[in-house]
Amino acid sequence: MRSAAALSLLLVLAACGGSGEDTTPKAEPSPTQPATSPTIAPPTGEPVPGALSQFRCDPDGAGTFVATGVLKNSTKAKVTFQVTVYVGEATGAPASARTERLPDVAAGGSVDFTVDAIPAPAEGGTCHVQALTTK
């Protein structure tokens, strides 16, 4: 009885075998990341995009950019802000950026900031900004 069941199972599996060609869809190869190390440290802190206002980022005529803006502390405790500005395309490739720390912004207070000498590629690009609160 057992051998009959095993034989039946083998016949069913053999019938499903098809032509021997592998018709299983193949996954597309994923792009590989270049093996380089980033030129900036990964950000640490809590993102606070709502704290940023009046942001401007303009070329300074010397091949770099200058960014200005205001950060508002909406919490009930003093905080330290960290603002990072990058100029270029957001490709995920390592790039140069500038970071400024703005310590001890009072609860409910705000602080103006300027980040200058931001490196930019020869072809220019878009300004990207990140605001974090740090401990």
N, C-alpha and C. Protein backbone atom coordinates (compact mmCIF):
# COMPACT_ATOMS: atom_id res chain seq x y z
N MET A 1 0.82 -1.18 0.00
CA MET A 1 0.00 0.00 0.00
C MET A 1 0.87 1.25 0.00
N ARG A 2 1.94 1.22 0.85
CA ARG A 2 2.83 2.37 0.91
C ARG A 2 3.56 2.58 -0.41
N SER A 3 3.98 1.52 -1.04
CA SER A 3 4.71 1.65 -2.29
C SER A 3 3.80 2.17 -3.39
N ALA A 4 2.52 1.82 -3.34
CA ALA A 4 1.57 2.33 -4.34
C ALA A 4 1.39 3.83 -4.16
N ALA A 5 1.31 4.29 -2.91
CA ALA A 5 1.15 5.73 -2.63
C ALA A 5 2.40 6.49 -3.08
N ALA A 6 3.57 5.93 -2.81
CA ALA A 6 4.82 6.57 -3.21
C ALA A 6 4.92 6.63 -4.73
N LEU A 7 4.53 5.55 -5.40
CA LEU A 7 4.56 5.52 -6.86
C LEU A 7 3.60 6.55 -7.44
N SER A 8 2.42 6.69 -6.85
CA SER A 8 1.45 7.70 -7.31
C SER A 8 2.01 9.10 -7.16
N LEU A 9 2.66 9.37 -6.02
CA LEU A 9 3.26 10.67 -5.78
C LEU A 9 4.35 10.97 -6.80
N LEU A 10 5.18 10.00 -7.10
CA LEU A 10 6.24 10.18 -8.10
C LEU A 10 5.67 10.47 -9.48
N LEU A 11 4.59 9.79 -9.84
CA LEU A 11 3.95 10.02 -11.14
C LEU A 11 3.38 11.43 -11.23
N VAL A 12 2.75 11.89 -10.14
CA VAL A 12 2.19 13.25 -10.11
C VAL A 12 3.31 14.27 -10.24
N LEU A 13 4.40 14.09 -9.50
CA LEU A 13 5.52 15.02 -9.57
C LEU A 13 6.17 15.00 -10.94
N ALA A 14 6.29 13.83 -11.55
CA ALA A 14 6.89 13.74 -12.87
C ALA A 14 6.02 14.44 -13.90
N ALA A 15 4.71 14.35 -13.77
CA ALA A 15 3.80 15.01 -14.70
C ALA A 15 3.90 16.52 -14.60
N CYS A 16 4.25 17.03 -13.43
CA CYS A 16 4.36 18.49 -13.23
C CYS A 16 5.73 19.01 -13.65
N GLY A 17 6.61 18.12 -14.06
CA GLY A 17 7.98 18.51 -14.36
C GLY A 17 8.11 19.41 -15.56
N GLY A 18 7.22 19.37 -16.50
CA GLY A 18 7.27 20.25 -17.67
C GLY A 18 8.39 19.86 -18.61
N SER A 19 8.88 20.84 -19.36
CA SER A 19 9.85 20.58 -20.42
C SER A 19 11.28 20.56 -19.94
N GLY A 20 11.49 20.79 -18.69
CA GLY A 20 12.85 20.83 -18.18
C GLY A 20 13.43 22.22 -18.19
N GLU A 21 12.75 23.20 -18.83
CA GLU A 21 13.22 24.58 -18.81
C GLU A 21 12.80 25.23 -17.51
N ASP A 22 13.64 26.09 -17.00
CA ASP A 22 13.32 26.83 -15.78
C ASP A 22 12.47 28.03 -16.16
N THR A 23 11.18 27.97 -15.83
CA THR A 23 10.27 29.07 -16.16
C THR A 23 10.00 29.96 -14.96
N THR A 24 10.72 29.76 -13.88
CA THR A 24 10.55 30.58 -12.69
C THR A 24 11.02 32.00 -13.00
N PRO A 25 10.18 33.00 -12.68
CA PRO A 25 10.62 34.37 -12.95
C PRO A 25 11.88 34.69 -12.15
N LYS A 26 12.80 35.35 -12.78
CA LYS A 26 14.06 35.72 -12.14
C LYS A 26 13.94 37.13 -11.56
N ALA A 27 14.48 37.30 -10.38
CA ALA A 27 14.51 38.62 -9.77
C ALA A 27 15.50 39.50 -10.52
N GLU A 28 15.16 40.74 -10.69
CA GLU A 28 16.07 41.69 -11.33
C GLU A 28 17.28 41.88 -10.44
N PRO A 29 18.46 41.94 -11.01
CA PRO A 29 19.65 42.18 -10.16
C PRO A 29 19.54 43.56 -9.52
N SER A 30 19.89 43.62 -8.26
CA SER A 30 19.82 44.91 -7.57
C SER A 30 21.08 45.71 -7.85
N PRO A 31 20.93 47.04 -7.94
CA PRO A 31 22.12 47.86 -8.19
C PRO A 31 23.06 47.76 -7.00
N THR A 32 24.32 47.80 -7.29
CA THR A 32 25.30 47.70 -6.21
C THR A 32 25.74 49.10 -5.80
N GLN A 33 26.01 49.25 -4.53
CA GLN A 33 26.50 50.52 -4.00
C GLN A 33 28.02 50.55 -4.14
N PRO A 34 28.57 51.70 -4.46
CA PRO A 34 30.03 51.78 -4.53
C PRO A 34 30.63 51.55 -3.15
N ALA A 35 31.77 50.92 -3.12
CA ALA A 35 32.43 50.62 -1.85
C ALA A 35 33.28 51.81 -1.44
N THR A 36 32.63 52.87 -1.00
CA THR A 36 33.32 54.05 -0.51
C THR A 36 32.80 54.39 0.86
N SER A 37 33.55 55.15 1.59
CA SER A 37 33.10 55.57 2.91
C SER A 37 32.55 56.98 2.82
N PRO A 38 31.50 57.27 3.59
CA PRO A 38 30.92 58.61 3.53
C PRO A 38 31.88 59.66 4.06
N THR A 39 31.73 60.89 3.56
CA THR A 39 32.59 61.97 4.01
C THR A 39 31.97 62.72 5.19
N ILE A 40 30.72 62.38 5.54
CA ILE A 40 30.10 63.01 6.69
C ILE A 40 29.62 61.92 7.64
N ALA A 41 29.57 62.24 8.91
CA ALA A 41 29.10 61.28 9.89
C ALA A 41 27.59 61.14 9.76
N PRO A 42 27.05 59.95 10.02
CA PRO A 42 25.61 59.80 9.96
C PRO A 42 24.96 60.69 11.03
N PRO A 43 23.77 61.20 10.73
CA PRO A 43 23.13 62.10 11.68
C PRO A 43 22.71 61.37 12.94
N THR A 44 22.76 62.10 14.03
CA THR A 44 22.26 61.57 15.30
C THR A 44 21.29 62.60 15.85
N GLY A 45 20.22 62.13 16.44
CA GLY A 45 19.23 63.03 17.00
C GLY A 45 17.84 62.75 16.45
N GLU A 46 16.93 63.59 16.82
CA GLU A 46 15.53 63.48 16.44
C GLU A 46 15.22 64.48 15.33
N PRO A 47 14.74 64.02 14.17
CA PRO A 47 14.40 64.96 13.10
C PRO A 47 13.28 65.91 13.53
N VAL A 48 13.45 67.19 13.22
CA VAL A 48 12.44 68.21 13.54
C VAL A 48 12.24 69.14 12.35
N PRO A 49 11.72 68.62 11.24
CA PRO A 49 11.57 69.47 10.05
C PRO A 49 10.64 70.65 10.29
N GLY A 50 9.67 70.52 11.20
CA GLY A 50 8.75 71.61 11.50
C GLY A 50 9.39 72.76 12.24
N ALA A 51 10.59 72.57 12.78
CA ALA A 51 11.27 73.63 13.51
C ALA A 51 11.94 74.62 12.57
N LEU A 52 12.13 74.25 11.32
CA LEU A 52 12.87 75.05 10.35
C LEU A 52 11.94 76.01 9.60
N SER A 53 12.37 77.26 9.51
CA SER A 53 11.62 78.24 8.71
C SER A 53 12.61 79.22 8.07
N GLN A 54 12.12 79.97 7.12
CA GLN A 54 12.89 81.02 6.43
C GLN A 54 14.21 80.49 5.86
N PHE A 55 14.21 79.26 5.38
CA PHE A 55 15.43 78.66 4.87
C PHE A 55 15.75 79.22 3.49
N ARG A 56 17.01 79.63 3.31
CA ARG A 56 17.54 80.07 2.01
C ARG A 56 18.88 79.42 1.81
N CYS A 57 19.19 79.13 0.57
CA CYS A 57 20.47 78.52 0.23
C CYS A 57 20.87 79.05 -1.13
N ASP A 58 21.96 79.82 -1.18
CA ASP A 58 22.36 80.50 -2.41
C ASP A 58 23.85 80.36 -2.65
N PRO A 59 24.26 80.39 -3.93
CA PRO A 59 25.69 80.40 -4.23
C PRO A 59 26.31 81.69 -3.71
N ASP A 60 27.56 81.60 -3.25
CA ASP A 60 28.21 82.79 -2.69
C ASP A 60 29.20 83.45 -3.66
N GLY A 61 29.29 82.94 -4.88
CA GLY A 61 30.20 83.52 -5.86
C GLY A 61 31.61 82.96 -5.78
N ALA A 62 31.90 82.13 -4.79
CA ALA A 62 33.23 81.55 -4.63
C ALA A 62 33.23 80.05 -4.89
N GLY A 63 32.16 79.54 -5.52
CA GLY A 63 32.06 78.12 -5.81
C GLY A 63 31.44 77.31 -4.69
N THR A 64 31.03 77.97 -3.63
CA THR A 64 30.35 77.29 -2.53
C THR A 64 29.00 77.98 -2.30
N PHE A 65 28.23 77.47 -1.35
CA PHE A 65 26.91 78.02 -1.05
C PHE A 65 26.85 78.50 0.40
N VAL A 66 25.88 79.38 0.68
CA VAL A 66 25.59 79.85 2.02
C VAL A 66 24.12 79.58 2.29
N ALA A 67 23.83 78.98 3.45
CA ALA A 67 22.46 78.70 3.85
C ALA A 67 22.14 79.46 5.13
N THR A 68 20.93 79.99 5.19
CA THR A 68 20.46 80.69 6.40
C THR A 68 19.05 80.22 6.71
N GLY A 69 18.64 80.42 7.94
CA GLY A 69 17.29 80.06 8.35
C GLY A 69 17.09 80.30 9.83
N VAL A 70 15.93 79.87 10.29
CA VAL A 70 15.56 80.01 11.70
C VAL A 70 15.08 78.66 12.19
N LEU A 71 15.50 78.30 13.40
CA LEU A 71 15.02 77.08 14.06
C LEU A 71 14.27 77.48 15.32
N LYS A 72 13.05 76.96 15.48
CA LYS A 72 12.22 77.28 16.64
C LYS A 72 12.08 76.06 17.54
N ASN A 73 12.33 76.26 18.82
CA ASN A 73 12.18 75.21 19.82
C ASN A 73 10.74 75.23 20.33
N SER A 74 9.95 74.25 19.94
CA SER A 74 8.54 74.18 20.35
C SER A 74 8.34 73.33 21.60
N THR A 75 9.43 72.89 22.23
CA THR A 75 9.31 72.04 23.41
C THR A 75 9.30 72.90 24.68
N LYS A 76 9.17 72.23 25.82
CA LYS A 76 9.16 72.92 27.12
C LYS A 76 10.50 72.81 27.83
N ALA A 77 11.53 72.45 27.07
CA ALA A 77 12.88 72.34 27.64
C ALA A 77 13.87 72.89 26.62
N LYS A 78 15.05 73.30 27.10
CA LYS A 78 16.03 73.79 26.14
C LYS A 78 16.58 72.61 25.33
N VAL A 79 16.96 72.90 24.09
CA VAL A 79 17.46 71.87 23.19
C VAL A 79 18.71 72.37 22.47
N THR A 80 19.42 71.42 21.88
CA THR A 80 20.52 71.73 20.96
C THR A 80 20.05 71.29 19.58
N PHE A 81 20.14 72.21 18.63
CA PHE A 81 19.80 71.88 17.24
C PHE A 81 21.07 71.53 16.49
N GLN A 82 20.92 70.66 15.50
CA GLN A 82 21.99 70.36 14.56
C GLN A 82 21.38 70.53 13.17
N VAL A 83 21.97 71.41 12.37
CA VAL A 83 21.47 71.62 11.01
C VAL A 83 22.58 71.23 10.04
N THR A 84 22.22 70.39 9.05
CA THR A 84 23.17 69.93 8.05
C THR A 84 22.65 70.33 6.68
N VAL A 85 23.54 70.90 5.86
CA VAL A 85 23.16 71.34 4.53
C VAL A 85 24.09 70.68 3.52
N TYR A 86 23.50 70.20 2.45
CA TYR A 86 24.21 69.52 1.37
C TYR A 86 23.74 70.11 0.05
N VAL A 87 24.64 70.32 -0.89
CA VAL A 87 24.29 70.82 -2.22
C VAL A 87 24.66 69.76 -3.24
N GLY A 88 23.72 69.37 -4.07
CA GLY A 88 23.95 68.37 -5.10
C GLY A 88 22.70 67.55 -5.31
N GLU A 89 22.85 66.47 -6.04
CA GLU A 89 21.73 65.57 -6.28
C GLU A 89 21.66 64.56 -5.15
N ALA A 90 20.46 64.21 -4.76
CA ALA A 90 20.24 63.26 -3.67
C ALA A 90 20.33 61.84 -4.21
N THR A 91 21.54 61.38 -4.46
CA THR A 91 21.75 60.06 -5.06
C THR A 91 22.10 59.00 -4.03
N GLY A 92 22.39 59.41 -2.83
CA GLY A 92 22.81 58.46 -1.81
C GLY A 92 24.31 58.19 -1.83
N ALA A 93 25.00 58.73 -2.81
CA ALA A 93 26.45 58.56 -2.88
C ALA A 93 27.11 59.47 -1.84
N PRO A 94 28.26 59.09 -1.34
CA PRO A 94 28.95 59.95 -0.37
C PRO A 94 29.21 61.34 -0.95
N ALA A 95 29.03 62.33 -0.13
CA ALA A 95 29.22 63.71 -0.57
C ALA A 95 29.60 64.56 0.63
N SER A 96 30.04 65.77 0.33
CA SER A 96 30.41 66.69 1.39
C SER A 96 29.21 67.54 1.79
N ALA A 97 29.08 67.77 3.05
CA ALA A 97 28.02 68.62 3.59
C ALA A 97 28.63 69.40 4.74
N ARG A 98 27.90 70.40 5.19
CA ARG A 98 28.35 71.18 6.35
C ARG A 98 27.30 71.07 7.44
N THR A 99 27.77 70.95 8.68
CA THR A 99 26.87 70.82 9.82
C THR A 99 27.23 71.88 10.86
N GLU A 100 26.21 72.50 11.41
CA GLU A 100 26.39 73.45 12.51
C GLU A 100 25.55 73.00 13.69
N ARG A 101 26.12 73.13 14.89
CA ARG A 101 25.37 72.84 16.13
C ARG A 101 25.01 74.16 16.78
N LEU A 102 23.79 74.23 17.23
CA LEU A 102 23.26 75.44 17.88
C LEU A 102 22.77 75.04 19.27
N PRO A 103 23.63 75.15 20.29
CA PRO A 103 23.29 74.65 21.62
C PRO A 103 22.40 75.59 22.42
N ASP A 104 21.72 75.01 23.39
CA ASP A 104 21.00 75.72 24.44
C ASP A 104 19.96 76.72 23.94
N VAL A 105 19.10 76.27 23.03
CA VAL A 105 18.00 77.12 22.57
C VAL A 105 16.87 76.95 23.59
N ALA A 106 16.47 78.04 24.21
CA ALA A 106 15.49 78.02 25.30
C ALA A 106 14.14 77.48 24.84
N ALA A 107 13.40 76.92 25.78
CA ALA A 107 12.04 76.44 25.51
C ALA A 107 11.22 77.58 24.91
N GLY A 108 10.57 77.31 23.79
CA GLY A 108 9.76 78.33 23.11
C GLY A 108 10.58 79.35 22.34
N GLY A 109 11.90 79.28 22.42
CA GLY A 109 12.76 80.26 21.75
C GLY A 109 13.10 79.85 20.33
N SER A 110 13.81 80.73 19.66
CA SER A 110 14.26 80.43 18.31
C SER A 110 15.67 80.96 18.13
N VAL A 111 16.33 80.48 17.08
CA VAL A 111 17.70 80.89 16.82
C VAL A 111 17.89 81.00 15.31
N ASP A 112 18.54 82.08 14.87
CA ASP A 112 18.93 82.23 13.47
C ASP A 112 20.22 81.46 13.26
N PHE A 113 20.41 80.93 12.06
CA PHE A 113 21.66 80.24 11.77
C PHE A 113 22.16 80.60 10.38
N THR A 114 23.47 80.47 10.22
CA THR A 114 24.12 80.62 8.92
C THR A 114 25.13 79.49 8.79
N VAL A 115 25.06 78.79 7.66
CA VAL A 115 26.04 77.76 7.34
C VAL A 115 26.69 78.22 6.05
N ASP A 116 28.00 78.52 6.12
CA ASP A 116 28.65 79.00 4.91
C ASP A 116 29.73 78.03 4.44
N ALA A 117 30.25 78.31 3.26
CA ALA A 117 31.28 77.49 2.62
C ALA A 117 30.80 76.04 2.41
N ILE A 118 29.54 75.89 2.00
CA ILE A 118 29.00 74.56 1.72
C ILE A 118 29.53 74.11 0.36
N PRO A 119 30.26 73.01 0.30
CA PRO A 119 30.81 72.54 -0.98
C PRO A 119 29.69 72.21 -1.96
N ALA A 120 29.96 72.45 -3.22
CA ALA A 120 28.97 72.16 -4.27
C ALA A 120 29.68 71.56 -5.47
N PRO A 121 29.02 70.64 -6.17
CA PRO A 121 29.63 70.11 -7.39
C PRO A 121 29.69 71.20 -8.46
N ALA A 122 30.57 71.05 -9.42
CA ALA A 122 30.75 72.06 -10.47
C ALA A 122 29.45 72.35 -11.20
N GLU A 123 28.60 71.32 -11.36
CA GLU A 123 27.34 71.53 -12.06
C GLU A 123 26.24 72.10 -11.16
N GLY A 124 26.59 72.43 -9.91
CA GLY A 124 25.60 72.98 -8.98
C GLY A 124 24.72 71.88 -8.43
N GLY A 125 23.49 72.23 -8.17
CA GLY A 125 22.55 71.25 -7.64
C GLY A 125 21.57 71.90 -6.70
N THR A 126 20.80 71.08 -6.07
CA THR A 126 19.77 71.52 -5.14
C THR A 126 20.31 71.51 -3.73
N CYS A 127 19.86 72.46 -2.91
CA CYS A 127 20.22 72.46 -1.48
C CYS A 127 19.29 71.51 -0.74
N HIS A 128 19.87 70.70 0.11
CA HIS A 128 19.12 69.79 0.98
C HIS A 128 19.48 70.15 2.41
N VAL A 129 18.49 70.20 3.28
CA VAL A 129 18.73 70.57 4.67
C VAL A 129 18.08 69.56 5.59
N GLN A 130 18.73 69.31 6.72
CA GLN A 130 18.18 68.43 7.74
C GLN A 130 18.36 69.13 9.08
N ALA A 131 17.28 69.19 9.86
CA ALA A 131 17.33 69.77 11.20
C ALA A 131 17.03 68.67 12.21
N LEU A 132 17.88 68.57 13.22
CA LEU A 132 17.72 67.58 14.29
C LEU A 132 17.84 68.27 15.63
N THR A 133 17.22 67.69 16.64
CA THR A 133 17.53 68.06 18.01
C THR A 133 18.42 66.97 18.56
N THR A 134 19.44 67.35 19.29
CA THR A 134 20.37 66.38 19.85
C THR A 134 20.43 66.56 21.36
N LYS A 135 20.98 65.55 22.00
CA LYS A 135 21.11 65.62 23.46
C LYS A 135 22.51 65.95 23.84
